[in-house]
PDB file of all heavy atoms in Angstrom:
ATOM      1  N   GLY A   1      -4.807 -15.748  -4.060  1.00  0.00           N
ATOM      2  CA  GLY A   1      -5.885 -14.762  -3.812  1.00  0.00           C
ATOM      3  C   GLY A   1      -5.640 -13.921  -2.555  1.00  0.00           C
ATOM      4  O   GLY A   1      -5.995 -12.726  -2.585  1.00  0.00           O
ATOM      5  N   ILE A   2      -5.071 -14.538  -1.485  1.00  0.00           N
ATOM      6  CA  ILE A   2      -4.742 -13.893  -0.342  1.00  0.00           C
ATOM      7  C   ILE A   2      -3.700 -12.904  -0.489  1.00  0.00           C
ATOM      8  O   ILE A   2      -3.708 -11.690  -0.053  1.00  0.00           O
ATOM      9  CB  ILE A   2      -4.410 -14.826   0.814  1.00  0.00           C
ATOM     10  CG1 ILE A   2      -5.534 -15.686   1.216  1.00  0.00           C
ATOM     11  CG2 ILE A   2      -3.887 -14.032   2.032  1.00  0.00           C
ATOM     12  CD1 ILE A   2      -5.310 -16.811   2.235  1.00  0.00           C
ATOM     13  N   ALA A   3      -2.605 -13.288  -1.250  1.00  0.00           N
ATOM     14  CA  ALA A   3      -1.560 -12.326  -1.586  1.00  0.00           C
ATOM     15  C   ALA A   3      -1.966 -11.117  -2.340  1.00  0.00           C
ATOM     16  O   ALA A   3      -1.339 -10.091  -2.190  1.00  0.00           O
ATOM     17  CB  ALA A   3      -0.405 -13.158  -2.411  1.00  0.00           C
ATOM     18  N   VAL A   4      -2.999 -11.296  -3.175  1.00  0.00           N
ATOM     19  CA  VAL A   4      -3.393 -10.092  -3.936  1.00  0.00           C
ATOM     20  C   VAL A   4      -4.172  -9.057  -2.997  1.00  0.00           C
ATOM     21  O   VAL A   4      -4.147  -7.896  -3.348  1.00  0.00           O
ATOM     22  CB  VAL A   4      -4.349 -10.512  -4.937  1.00  0.00           C
ATOM     23  CG1 VAL A   4      -5.005  -9.407  -5.634  1.00  0.00           C
ATOM     24  CG2 VAL A   4      -3.655 -11.339  -6.012  1.00  0.00           C
ATOM     25  N   ASP A   5      -4.623  -9.518  -1.809  1.00  0.00           N
ATOM     26  CA  ASP A   5      -5.299  -8.583  -0.863  1.00  0.00           C
ATOM     27  C   ASP A   5      -4.485  -7.364  -0.575  1.00  0.00           C
ATOM     28  O   ASP A   5      -4.847  -6.233  -0.728  1.00  0.00           O
ATOM     29  CB  ASP A   5      -5.691  -9.344   0.494  1.00  0.00           C
ATOM     30  CG  ASP A   5      -6.772 -10.335   0.105  1.00  0.00           C
ATOM     31  OD1 ASP A   5      -7.151 -10.486  -0.993  1.00  0.00           O
ATOM     32  OD2 ASP A   5      -7.076 -11.043   1.226  1.00  0.00           O
ATOM     33  N   ASP A   6      -3.264  -7.661   0.004  1.00  0.00           N
ATOM     34  CA  ASP A   6      -2.375  -6.473   0.303  1.00  0.00           C
ATOM     35  C   ASP A   6      -1.932  -5.652  -0.886  1.00  0.00           C
ATOM     36  O   ASP A   6      -1.804  -4.502  -0.819  1.00  0.00           O
ATOM     37  CB  ASP A   6      -1.148  -6.993   1.009  1.00  0.00           C
ATOM     38  CG  ASP A   6      -1.444  -7.467   2.489  1.00  0.00           C
ATOM     39  OD1 ASP A   6      -2.491  -7.001   3.007  1.00  0.00           O
ATOM     40  OD2 ASP A   6      -0.748  -8.276   3.121  1.00  0.00           O
ATOM     41  N   THR A   7      -1.796  -6.413  -1.952  1.00  0.00           N
ATOM     42  CA  THR A   7      -1.438  -5.656  -3.227  1.00  0.00           C
ATOM     43  C   THR A   7      -2.562  -4.675  -3.601  1.00  0.00           C
ATOM     44  O   THR A   7      -2.260  -3.596  -4.048  1.00  0.00           O
ATOM     45  CB  THR A   7      -1.098  -6.668  -4.362  1.00  0.00           C
ATOM     46  OG1 THR A   7      -0.188  -7.548  -3.959  1.00  0.00           O
ATOM     47  CG2 THR A   7      -0.748  -5.998  -5.635  1.00  0.00           C
ATOM     48  N   LEU A   8      -3.788  -5.093  -3.486  1.00  0.00           N
ATOM     49  CA  LEU A   8      -4.909  -4.255  -3.811  1.00  0.00           C
ATOM     50  C   LEU A   8      -4.920  -2.889  -2.886  1.00  0.00           C
ATOM     51  O   LEU A   8      -5.084  -1.847  -3.463  1.00  0.00           O
ATOM     52  CB  LEU A   8      -6.213  -4.964  -3.708  1.00  0.00           C
ATOM     53  CG  LEU A   8      -6.593  -5.861  -4.767  1.00  0.00           C
ATOM     54  CD1 LEU A   8      -7.785  -6.805  -4.352  1.00  0.00           C
ATOM     55  CD2 LEU A   8      -7.146  -5.056  -6.008  1.00  0.00           C
ATOM     56  N   HIS A   9      -4.698  -3.144  -1.607  1.00  0.00           N
ATOM     57  CA  HIS A   9      -4.734  -1.970  -0.719  1.00  0.00           C
ATOM     58  C   HIS A   9      -3.467  -1.047  -1.123  1.00  0.00           C
ATOM     59  O   HIS A   9      -3.721   0.157  -1.177  1.00  0.00           O
ATOM     60  CB  HIS A   9      -4.602  -2.410   0.637  1.00  0.00           C
ATOM     61  CG  HIS A   9      -5.765  -3.015   1.223  1.00  0.00           C
ATOM     62  ND1 HIS A   9      -6.862  -2.332   1.597  1.00  0.00           N
ATOM     63  CD2 HIS A   9      -6.140  -4.316   1.416  1.00  0.00           C
ATOM     64  CE1 HIS A   9      -7.897  -3.120   2.072  1.00  0.00           C
ATOM     65  NE2 HIS A   9      -7.447  -4.361   1.897  1.00  0.00           N
ATOM     66  N   PHE A  10      -2.407  -1.664  -1.419  1.00  0.00           N
ATOM     67  CA  PHE A  10      -1.243  -0.879  -1.781  1.00  0.00           C
ATOM     68  C   PHE A  10      -1.381   0.003  -3.085  1.00  0.00           C
ATOM     69  O   PHE A  10      -1.135   1.143  -3.222  1.00  0.00           O
ATOM     70  CB  PHE A  10      -0.041  -1.691  -1.869  1.00  0.00           C
ATOM     71  CG  PHE A  10       1.311  -1.051  -1.904  1.00  0.00           C
ATOM     72  CD1 PHE A  10       2.098  -0.869  -0.766  1.00  0.00           C
ATOM     73  CD2 PHE A  10       1.792  -0.470  -3.047  1.00  0.00           C
ATOM     74  CE1 PHE A  10       3.314  -0.172  -0.719  1.00  0.00           C
ATOM     75  CE2 PHE A  10       3.075   0.227  -3.080  1.00  0.00           C
ATOM     76  CZ  PHE A  10       3.721   0.334  -1.869  1.00  0.00           C
ATOM     77  N   ILE A  11      -1.919  -0.796  -4.050  1.00  0.00           N
ATOM     78  CA  ILE A  11      -2.152  -0.139  -5.388  1.00  0.00           C
ATOM     79  C   ILE A  11      -3.254   0.919  -5.407  1.00  0.00           C
ATOM     80  O   ILE A  11      -3.016   1.919  -5.991  1.00  0.00           O
ATOM     81  CB  ILE A  11      -2.445  -1.281  -6.368  1.00  0.00           C
ATOM     82  CG1 ILE A  11      -1.241  -2.144  -6.812  1.00  0.00           C
ATOM     83  CG2 ILE A  11      -2.983  -0.676  -7.705  1.00  0.00           C
ATOM     84  CD1 ILE A  11      -0.045  -1.455  -7.303  1.00  0.00           C
ATOM     85  N   CYS A  12      -4.249   0.640  -4.598  1.00  0.00           N
ATOM     86  CA  CYS A  12      -5.373   1.679  -4.569  1.00  0.00           C
ATOM     87  C   CYS A  12      -4.795   2.903  -3.887  1.00  0.00           C
ATOM     88  O   CYS A  12      -5.141   4.135  -4.374  1.00  0.00           O
ATOM     89  CB  CYS A  12      -6.556   1.069  -3.735  1.00  0.00           C
ATOM     90  SG  CYS A  12      -7.498  -0.169  -4.635  1.00  0.00           S
ATOM     91  N   TRP A  13      -4.120   2.802  -2.842  1.00  0.00           N
ATOM     92  CA  TRP A  13      -3.614   4.027  -2.250  1.00  0.00           C
ATOM     93  C   TRP A  13      -2.501   4.638  -3.089  1.00  0.00           C
ATOM     94  O   TRP A  13      -2.447   5.920  -3.236  1.00  0.00           O
ATOM     95  CB  TRP A  13      -2.931   3.618  -0.879  1.00  0.00           C
ATOM     96  CG  TRP A  13      -2.679   4.820  -0.048  1.00  0.00           C
ATOM     97  CD1 TRP A  13      -1.812   5.739  -0.063  1.00  0.00           C
ATOM     98  CD2 TRP A  13      -3.468   5.023   1.169  1.00  0.00           C
ATOM     99  NE1 TRP A  13      -1.965   6.686   0.990  1.00  0.00           N
ATOM    100  CE2 TRP A  13      -2.989   6.227   1.746  1.00  0.00           C
ATOM    101  CE3 TRP A  13      -4.530   4.389   1.856  1.00  0.00           C
ATOM    102  CZ2 TRP A  13      -3.492   6.788   2.970  1.00  0.00           C
ATOM    103  CZ3 TRP A  13      -5.061   4.928   3.074  1.00  0.00           C
ATOM    104  CH2 TRP A  13      -4.550   6.124   3.571  1.00  0.00           C
ATOM    105  N   TYR A  14      -1.685   3.883  -3.754  1.00  0.00           N
ATOM    106  CA  TYR A  14      -0.673   4.375  -4.669  1.00  0.00           C
ATOM    107  C   TYR A  14      -1.209   5.253  -5.819  1.00  0.00           C
ATOM    108  O   TYR A  14      -0.799   6.368  -6.166  1.00  0.00           O
ATOM    109  CB  TYR A  14       0.167   3.197  -5.197  1.00  0.00           C
ATOM    110  CG  TYR A  14       1.148   3.578  -6.365  1.00  0.00           C
ATOM    111  CD1 TYR A  14       2.368   4.310  -5.992  1.00  0.00           C
ATOM    112  CD2 TYR A  14       0.910   3.426  -7.667  1.00  0.00           C
ATOM    113  CE1 TYR A  14       3.295   4.643  -6.961  1.00  0.00           C
ATOM    114  CE2 TYR A  14       1.780   3.754  -8.654  1.00  0.00           C
ATOM    115  CZ  TYR A  14       3.036   4.392  -8.255  1.00  0.00           C
ATOM    116  OH  TYR A  14       3.851   4.800  -9.227  1.00  0.00           O
ATOM    117  N   ARG A  15      -2.317   4.766  -6.411  1.00  0.00           N
ATOM    118  CA  ARG A  15      -2.979   5.389  -7.475  1.00  0.00           C
ATOM    119  C   ARG A  15      -3.545   6.698  -6.984  1.00  0.00           C
ATOM    120  O   ARG A  15      -3.586   7.713  -7.732  1.00  0.00           O
ATOM    121  CB  ARG A  15      -3.995   4.498  -8.159  1.00  0.00           C
ATOM    122  CG  ARG A  15      -3.421   3.391  -9.021  1.00  0.00           C
ATOM    123  CD  ARG A  15      -4.563   2.644  -9.640  1.00  0.00           C
ATOM    124  NE  ARG A  15      -5.496   3.322 -10.350  1.00  0.00           N
ATOM    125  CZ  ARG A  15      -5.388   3.714 -11.674  1.00  0.00           C
ATOM    126  NH1 ARG A  15      -4.288   3.379 -12.300  1.00  0.00           N
ATOM    127  NH2 ARG A  15      -6.298   4.396 -12.315  1.00  0.00           N
ATOM    128  N   LYS A  16      -4.139   6.705  -5.780  1.00  0.00           N
ATOM    129  CA  LYS A  16      -4.662   7.869  -5.198  1.00  0.00           C
ATOM    130  C   LYS A  16      -3.548   8.979  -4.989  1.00  0.00           C
ATOM    131  O   LYS A  16      -3.838  10.174  -5.329  1.00  0.00           O
ATOM    132  CB  LYS A  16      -5.322   7.661  -3.837  1.00  0.00           C
ATOM    133  CG  LYS A  16      -6.030   8.762  -3.210  1.00  0.00           C
ATOM    134  CD  LYS A  16      -6.691   8.434  -1.872  1.00  0.00           C
ATOM    135  CE  LYS A  16      -5.607   8.143  -0.787  1.00  0.00           C
ATOM    136  NZ  LYS A  16      -6.220   7.890   0.531  1.00  0.00           N
ATOM    137  N   GLU A  17      -2.422   8.556  -4.691  1.00  0.00           N
ATOM    138  CA  GLU A  17      -1.270   9.545  -4.454  1.00  0.00           C
ATOM    139  C   GLU A  17      -0.841  10.010  -5.725  1.00  0.00           C
ATOM    140  O   GLU A  17      -0.446  11.246  -5.917  1.00  0.00           O
ATOM    141  CB  GLU A  17      -0.159   8.801  -3.673  1.00  0.00           C
ATOM    142  CG  GLU A  17      -0.438   8.458  -2.256  1.00  0.00           C
ATOM    143  CD  GLU A  17      -0.739   9.581  -1.335  1.00  0.00           C
ATOM    144  OE1 GLU A  17      -0.473  10.663  -1.637  1.00  0.00           O
ATOM    145  OE2 GLU A  17      -1.285   9.245  -0.179  1.00  0.00           O
ATOM    146  N   LYS A  18      -0.828   9.211  -6.788  1.00  0.00           N
ATOM    147  CA  LYS A  18      -0.404   9.620  -8.068  1.00  0.00           C
ATOM    148  C   LYS A  18      -1.358  10.580  -8.663  1.00  0.00           C
ATOM    149  O   LYS A  18      -1.052  11.557  -9.269  1.00  0.00           O
ATOM    150  CB  LYS A  18      -0.252   8.394  -9.021  1.00  0.00           C
ATOM    151  CG  LYS A  18       0.957   7.541  -8.869  1.00  0.00           C
ATOM    152  CD  LYS A  18       2.234   8.274  -9.040  1.00  0.00           C
ATOM    153  CE  LYS A  18       2.519   8.650 -10.495  1.00  0.00           C
ATOM    154  NZ  LYS A  18       2.841   7.572 -11.364  1.00  0.00           N
ATOM    155  N   GLU A  19      -2.683  10.385  -8.439  1.00  0.00           N
ATOM    156  CA  GLU A  19      -3.713  11.297  -8.856  1.00  0.00           C
ATOM    157  C   GLU A  19      -3.535  12.656  -8.135  1.00  0.00           C
ATOM    158  O   GLU A  19      -4.046  13.682  -8.719  1.00  0.00           O
ATOM    159  CB  GLU A  19      -5.117  10.638  -8.740  1.00  0.00           C
ATOM    160  CG  GLU A  19      -5.337   9.492  -9.571  1.00  0.00           C
ATOM    161  CD  GLU A  19      -6.646   8.755  -9.281  1.00  0.00           C
ATOM    162  OE1 GLU A  19      -7.305   9.179  -8.322  1.00  0.00           O
ATOM    163  OE2 GLU A  19      -7.005   7.777  -9.999  1.00  0.00           O
ATOM    164  N   ALA A  20      -3.061  12.546  -6.942  1.00  0.00           N
ATOM    165  CA  ALA A  20      -2.839  13.866  -6.255  1.00  0.00           C
ATOM    166  C   ALA A  20      -1.680  14.639  -6.781  1.00  0.00           C
ATOM    167  O   ALA A  20      -1.443  15.775  -6.304  1.00  0.00           O
ATOM    168  CB  ALA A  20      -2.622  13.553  -4.713  1.00  0.00           C
ATOM    169  N   GLY A  21      -0.804  14.039  -7.683  1.00  0.00           N
ATOM    170  CA  GLY A  21       0.145  14.847  -8.348  1.00  0.00           C
ATOM    171  C   GLY A  21       1.576  14.435  -7.821  1.00  0.00           C
ATOM    172  O   GLY A  21       2.568  15.129  -8.240  1.00  0.00           O
ATOM    173  N   TYR A  22       1.685  13.384  -7.041  1.00  0.00           N
ATOM    174  CA  TYR A  22       3.036  13.045  -6.597  1.00  0.00           C
ATOM    175  C   TYR A  22       3.770  12.099  -7.602  1.00  0.00           C
ATOM    176  O   TYR A  22       3.128  11.430  -8.417  1.00  0.00           O
ATOM    177  CB  TYR A  22       2.936  12.197  -5.276  1.00  0.00           C
ATOM    178  CG  TYR A  22       2.480  13.063  -4.104  1.00  0.00           C
ATOM    179  CD1 TYR A  22       1.199  13.156  -3.757  1.00  0.00           C
ATOM    180  CD2 TYR A  22       3.489  13.760  -3.453  1.00  0.00           C
ATOM    181  CE1 TYR A  22       0.790  13.966  -2.695  1.00  0.00           C
ATOM    182  CE2 TYR A  22       3.099  14.640  -2.349  1.00  0.00           C
ATOM    183  CZ  TYR A  22       1.770  14.720  -1.978  1.00  0.00           C
ATOM    184  OH  TYR A  22       1.456  15.486  -0.957  1.00  0.00           O
ATOM    185  N   SER A  23       5.078  12.190  -7.676  1.00  0.00           N
ATOM    186  CA  SER A  23       5.952  11.343  -8.536  1.00  0.00           C
ATOM    187  C   SER A  23       5.832   9.896  -8.110  1.00  0.00           C
ATOM    188  O   SER A  23       5.253   9.582  -6.915  1.00  0.00           O
ATOM    189  CB  SER A  23       7.313  11.858  -8.423  1.00  0.00           C
ATOM    190  OG  SER A  23       7.888  11.647  -7.244  1.00  0.00           O
ATOM    191  N   ALA A  24       6.341   9.036  -8.882  1.00  0.00           N
ATOM    192  CA  ALA A  24       6.320   7.556  -8.505  1.00  0.00           C
ATOM    193  C   ALA A  24       6.998   7.329  -7.228  1.00  0.00           C
ATOM    194  O   ALA A  24       6.524   6.621  -6.337  1.00  0.00           O
ATOM    195  CB  ALA A  24       6.829   6.676  -9.639  1.00  0.00           C
ATOM    196  N   ALA A  25       8.234   7.913  -7.005  1.00  0.00           N
ATOM    197  CA  ALA A  25       8.936   7.684  -5.892  1.00  0.00           C
ATOM    198  C   ALA A  25       8.307   8.197  -4.583  1.00  0.00           C
ATOM    199  O   ALA A  25       8.193   7.594  -3.583  1.00  0.00           O
ATOM    200  CB  ALA A  25      10.370   8.257  -5.935  1.00  0.00           C
ATOM    201  N   ASP A  26       7.671   9.412  -4.698  1.00  0.00           N
ATOM    202  CA  ASP A  26       7.050  10.028  -3.571  1.00  0.00           C
ATOM    203  C   ASP A  26       5.732   9.304  -3.339  1.00  0.00           C
ATOM    204  O   ASP A  26       5.434   9.081  -2.147  1.00  0.00           O
ATOM    205  CB  ASP A  26       6.752  11.486  -3.932  1.00  0.00           C
ATOM    206  CG  ASP A  26       7.984  12.300  -3.988  1.00  0.00           C
ATOM    207  OD1 ASP A  26       8.985  11.839  -3.622  1.00  0.00           O
ATOM    208  OD2 ASP A  26       7.943  13.481  -4.522  1.00  0.00           O
ATOM    209  N   ALA A  27       5.064   8.969  -4.315  1.00  0.00           N
ATOM    210  CA  ALA A  27       3.762   8.170  -4.131  1.00  0.00           C
ATOM    211  C   ALA A  27       4.000   6.771  -3.415  1.00  0.00           C
ATOM    212  O   ALA A  27       3.243   6.368  -2.598  1.00  0.00           O
ATOM    213  CB  ALA A  27       3.022   8.026  -5.436  1.00  0.00           C
ATOM    214  N   VAL A  28       5.097   6.106  -3.833  1.00  0.00           N
ATOM    215  CA  VAL A  28       5.481   4.885  -3.191  1.00  0.00           C
ATOM    216  C   VAL A  28       5.823   5.101  -1.793  1.00  0.00           C
ATOM    217  O   VAL A  28       5.342   4.339  -0.790  1.00  0.00           O
ATOM    218  CB  VAL A  28       6.708   4.239  -3.878  1.00  0.00           C
ATOM    219  CG1 VAL A  28       7.324   3.125  -2.974  1.00  0.00           C
ATOM    220  CG2 VAL A  28       6.279   3.656  -5.206  1.00  0.00           C
ATOM    221  N   GLN A  29       6.439   6.216  -1.425  1.00  0.00           N
ATOM    222  CA  GLN A  29       6.892   6.438  -0.045  1.00  0.00           C
ATOM    223  C   GLN A  29       5.655   6.699   0.850  1.00  0.00           C
ATOM    224  O   GLN A  29       5.497   6.188   1.954  1.00  0.00           O
ATOM    225  CB  GLN A  29       7.842   7.595   0.151  1.00  0.00           C
ATOM    226  CG  GLN A  29       9.229   7.243  -0.511  1.00  0.00           C
ATOM    227  CD  GLN A  29      10.258   8.324  -0.238  1.00  0.00           C
ATOM    228  OE1 GLN A  29      10.378   8.677   0.856  1.00  0.00           O
ATOM    229  NE2 GLN A  29      11.104   8.612  -1.327  1.00  0.00           N
ATOM    230  N   ARG A  30       4.760   7.528   0.352  1.00  0.00           N
ATOM    231  CA  ARG A  30       3.527   7.897   1.042  1.00  0.00           C
ATOM    232  C   ARG A  30       2.726   6.601   1.173  1.00  0.00           C
ATOM    233  O   ARG A  30       2.044   6.477   2.273  1.00  0.00           O
ATOM    234  CB  ARG A  30       2.793   9.003   0.317  1.00  0.00           C
ATOM    235  CG  ARG A  30       3.490  10.340   0.384  1.00  0.00           C
ATOM    236  CD  ARG A  30       2.717  11.464  -0.472  1.00  0.00           C
ATOM    237  NE  ARG A  30       1.494  11.707   0.231  1.00  0.00           N
ATOM    238  CZ  ARG A  30       1.382  12.625   1.168  1.00  0.00           C
ATOM    239  NH1 ARG A  30       2.365  13.288   1.700  1.00  0.00           N
ATOM    240  NH2 ARG A  30       0.091  12.836   1.667  1.00  0.00           N
ATOM    241  N   THR A  31       2.478   5.914   0.123  1.00  0.00           N
ATOM    242  CA  THR A  31       1.692   4.576   0.327  1.00  0.00           C
ATOM    243  C   THR A  31       2.364   3.689   1.211  1.00  0.00           C
ATOM    244  O   THR A  31       1.603   3.063   2.009  1.00  0.00           O
ATOM    245  CB  THR A  31       1.691   3.983  -1.109  1.00  0.00           C
ATOM    246  OG1 THR A  31       1.052   4.884  -2.035  1.00  0.00           O
ATOM    247  CG2 THR A  31       0.741   2.710  -1.134  1.00  0.00           C
ATOM    248  N   PHE A  32       3.643   3.527   1.189  1.00  0.00           N
ATOM    249  CA  PHE A  32       4.401   2.697   2.097  1.00  0.00           C
ATOM    250  C   PHE A  32       4.045   3.122   3.569  1.00  0.00           C
ATOM    251  O   PHE A  32       3.668   2.133   4.410  1.00  0.00           O
ATOM    252  CB  PHE A  32       5.791   2.622   1.853  1.00  0.00           C
ATOM    253  CG  PHE A  32       6.660   1.574   2.565  1.00  0.00           C
ATOM    254  CD1 PHE A  32       6.854   0.448   1.964  1.00  0.00           C
ATOM    255  CD2 PHE A  32       7.015   1.801   3.905  1.00  0.00           C
ATOM    256  CE1 PHE A  32       7.650  -0.616   2.567  1.00  0.00           C
ATOM    257  CE2 PHE A  32       7.693   0.764   4.655  1.00  0.00           C
ATOM    258  CZ  PHE A  32       8.015  -0.377   3.882  1.00  0.00           C
ATOM    259  N   VAL A  33       4.141   4.351   3.890  1.00  0.00           N
ATOM    260  CA  VAL A  33       3.961   4.803   5.261  1.00  0.00           C
ATOM    261  C   VAL A  33       2.523   4.542   5.619  1.00  0.00           C
ATOM    262  O   VAL A  33       2.165   4.171   6.820  1.00  0.00           O
ATOM    263  CB  VAL A  33       4.358   6.313   5.370  1.00  0.00           C
ATOM    264  CG1 VAL A  33       3.940   6.826   6.761  1.00  0.00           C
ATOM    265  CG2 VAL A  33       5.828   6.389   5.150  1.00  0.00           C
ATOM    266  N   ALA A  34       1.592   4.627   4.750  1.00  0.00           N
ATOM    267  CA  ALA A  34       0.109   4.599   5.039  1.00  0.00           C
ATOM    268  C   ALA A  34      -0.265   3.098   5.198  1.00  0.00           C
ATOM    269  O   ALA A  34      -1.101   2.891   5.942  1.00  0.00           O
ATOM    270  CB  ALA A  34      -0.682   5.289   3.932  1.00  0.00           C
ATOM    271  N   CYS A  35       0.282   2.223   4.325  1.00  0.00           N
ATOM    272  CA  CYS A  35      -0.309   0.894   4.324  1.00  0.00           C
ATOM    273  C   CYS A  35       0.678  -0.307   4.862  1.00  0.00           C
ATOM    274  O   CYS A  35       0.136  -1.256   5.187  1.00  0.00           O
ATOM    275  CB  CYS A  35      -0.584   0.531   2.721  1.00  0.00           C
ATOM    276  SG  CYS A  35      -1.669   1.580   2.029  1.00  0.00           S
ATOM    277  N   ALA A  36       1.953   0.060   5.012  1.00  0.00           N
ATOM    278  CA  ALA A  36       2.830  -0.977   5.344  1.00  0.00           C
ATOM    279  C   ALA A  36       2.508  -1.659   6.689  1.00  0.00           C
ATOM    280  O   ALA A  36       2.573  -2.826   6.932  1.00  0.00           O
ATOM    281  CB  ALA A  36       4.257  -0.570   5.374  1.00  0.00           C
ATOM    282  N   GLN A  37       2.164  -0.825   7.682  1.00  0.00           N
ATOM    283  CA  GLN A  37       1.850  -1.370   9.000  1.00  0.00           C
ATOM    284  C   GLN A  37       0.715  -2.273   8.983  1.00  0.00           C
ATOM    285  O   GLN A  37       0.723  -3.418   9.522  1.00  0.00           O
ATOM    286  CB  GLN A  37       1.616  -0.220   9.938  1.00  0.00           C
ATOM    287  CG  GLN A  37       2.859   0.238  10.725  1.00  0.00           C
ATOM    288  CD  GLN A  37       2.508   1.128  11.841  1.00  0.00           C
ATOM    289  OE1 GLN A  37       1.882   2.063  11.840  1.00  0.00           O
ATOM    290  NE2 GLN A  37       2.944   0.691  13.014  1.00  0.00           N
ATOM    291  N   ALA A  38      -0.396  -1.918   8.305  1.00  0.00           N
ATOM    292  CA  ALA A  38      -1.499  -2.786   8.260  1.00  0.00           C
ATOM    293  C   ALA A  38      -1.157  -4.041   7.395  1.00  0.00           C
ATOM    294  O   ALA A  38      -1.684  -5.149   7.885  1.00  0.00           O
ATOM    295  CB  ALA A  38      -2.617  -2.047   7.486  1.00  0.00           C
ATOM    296  N   MET A  39      -0.389  -4.019   6.419  1.00  0.00           N
ATOM    297  CA  MET A  39       0.032  -5.160   5.719  1.00  0.00           C
ATOM    298  C   MET A  39       0.897  -6.108   6.575  1.00  0.00           C
ATOM    299  O   MET A  39       0.729  -7.415   6.529  1.00  0.00           O
ATOM    300  CB  MET A  39       0.824  -4.846   4.450  1.00  0.00           C
ATOM    301  CG  MET A  39       0.003  -3.936   3.469  1.00  0.00           C
ATOM    302  SD  MET A  39       0.961  -3.115   2.168  1.00  0.00           S
ATOM    303  CE  MET A  39       1.554  -4.566   1.311  1.00  0.00           C
ATOM    304  N   ILE A  40       1.677  -5.507   7.343  1.00  0.00           N
ATOM    305  CA  ILE A  40       2.617  -6.280   8.277  1.00  0.00           C
ATOM    306  C   ILE A  40       1.754  -6.907   9.374  1.00  0.00           C
ATOM    307  O   ILE A  40       1.885  -8.136   9.710  1.00  0.00           O
ATOM    308  CB  ILE A  40       3.746  -5.589   8.901  1.00  0.00           C
ATOM    309  CG1 ILE A  40       4.714  -5.104   7.785  1.00  0.00           C
ATOM    310  CG2 ILE A  40       4.456  -6.164  10.020  1.00  0.00           C
ATOM    311  CD1 ILE A  40       5.681  -4.051   8.303  1.00  0.00           C
ATOM    312  N   GLN A  41       0.831  -6.104   9.854  1.00  0.00           N
ATOM    313  CA  GLN A  41      -0.022  -6.627  10.913  1.00  0.00           C
ATOM    314  C   GLN A  41      -0.830  -7.840  10.378  1.00  0.00           C
ATOM    315  O   GLN A  41      -0.954  -8.845  11.125  1.00  0.00           O
ATOM    316  CB  GLN A  41      -0.946  -5.553  11.404  1.00  0.00           C
ATOM    317  CG  GLN A  41      -0.266  -4.468  12.211  1.00  0.00           C
ATOM    318  CD  GLN A  41      -1.101  -3.240  12.501  1.00  0.00           C
ATOM    319  OE1 GLN A  41      -2.154  -3.172  11.960  1.00  0.00           O
ATOM    320  NE2 GLN A  41      -0.490  -2.320  13.213  1.00  0.00           N
ATOM    321  N   THR A  42      -1.456  -7.729   9.312  1.00  0.00           N
ATOM    322  CA  THR A  42      -2.369  -8.755   8.706  1.00  0.00           C
ATOM    323  C   THR A  42      -1.499 -10.090   8.555  1.00  0.00           C
ATOM    324  O   THR A  42      -2.018 -11.108   8.767  1.00  0.00           O
ATOM    325  CB  THR A  42      -3.120  -8.345   7.536  1.00  0.00           C
ATOM    326  OG1 THR A  42      -2.174  -7.926   6.520  1.00  0.00           O
ATOM    327  CG2 THR A  42      -4.120  -7.174   7.769  1.00  0.00           C
ATOM    328  N   THR A  43      -0.373  -9.896   7.985  1.00  0.00           N
ATOM    329  CA  THR A  43       0.404 -11.125   7.652  1.00  0.00           C
ATOM    330  C   THR A  43       0.952 -11.716   9.022  1.00  0.00           C
ATOM    331  O   THR A  43       0.799 -12.944   9.072  1.00  0.00           O
ATOM    332  CB  THR A  43       1.673 -10.629   6.836  1.00  0.00           C
ATOM    333  OG1 THR A  43       1.255 -10.069   5.636  1.00  0.00           O
ATOM    334  CG2 THR A  43       2.582 -11.827   6.486  1.00  0.00           C
ATOM    335  N   VAL A  44       1.411 -10.996   9.880  1.00  0.00           N
ATOM    336  CA  VAL A  44       1.866 -11.610  11.153  1.00  0.00           C
ATOM    337  C   VAL A  44       0.660 -12.256  11.947  1.00  0.00           C
ATOM    338  O   VAL A  44       0.789 -13.423  12.399  1.00  0.00           O
ATOM    339  CB  VAL A  44       2.568 -10.491  12.014  1.00  0.00           C
ATOM    340  CG1 VAL A  44       2.795 -11.079  13.393  1.00  0.00           C
ATOM    341  CG2 VAL A  44       3.740 -10.013  11.434  1.00  0.00           C
ATOM    342  N   ILE A  45      -0.419 -11.641  11.928  1.00  0.00           N
ATOM    343  CA  ILE A  45      -1.523 -12.248  12.619  1.00  0.00           C
ATOM    344  C   ILE A  45      -2.042 -13.490  11.910  1.00  0.00           C
ATOM    345  O   ILE A  45      -2.429 -14.479  12.504  1.00  0.00           O
ATOM    346  CB  ILE A  45      -2.763 -11.207  12.675  1.00  0.00           C
ATOM    347  CG1 ILE A  45      -2.346 -10.097  13.691  1.00  0.00           C
ATOM    348  CG2 ILE A  45      -4.069 -11.826  13.204  1.00  0.00           C
ATOM    349  CD1 ILE A  45      -3.238  -8.848  13.666  1.00  0.00           C
ATOM    350  N   ALA A  46      -2.146 -13.442  10.554  1.00  0.00           N
ATOM    351  CA  ALA A  46      -2.542 -14.624   9.725  1.00  0.00           C
ATOM    352  C   ALA A  46      -1.483 -15.789  10.044  1.00  0.00           C
ATOM    353  O   ALA A  46      -1.988 -16.918  10.051  1.00  0.00           O
ATOM    354  CB  ALA A  46      -2.558 -14.226   8.285  1.00  0.00           C
ATOM    355  N   CYS A  47      -0.304 -15.546  10.056  1.00  0.00           N
ATOM    356  CA  CYS A  47       0.659 -16.536  10.311  1.00  0.00           C
ATOM    357  C   CYS A  47       0.577 -17.207  11.683  1.00  0.00           C
ATOM    358  O   CYS A  47       0.738 -18.308  11.942  1.00  0.00           O
ATOM    359  CB  CYS A  47       2.165 -16.005  10.122  1.00  0.00           C
ATOM    360  SG  CYS A  47       2.543 -15.641   8.407  1.00  0.00           S
TER     361      CYS A  47
END
């Protein structure tokens, strides 16, 4: 259940980028830049 948390944030942002017209590779990059730091922060703090 916890692992799905970050996946949800990533997928929600990714779908928003795809709806904006970006390709899969571009949407992944924009999503990664937007979400990766928060995902790393939450994981490190949880650990």
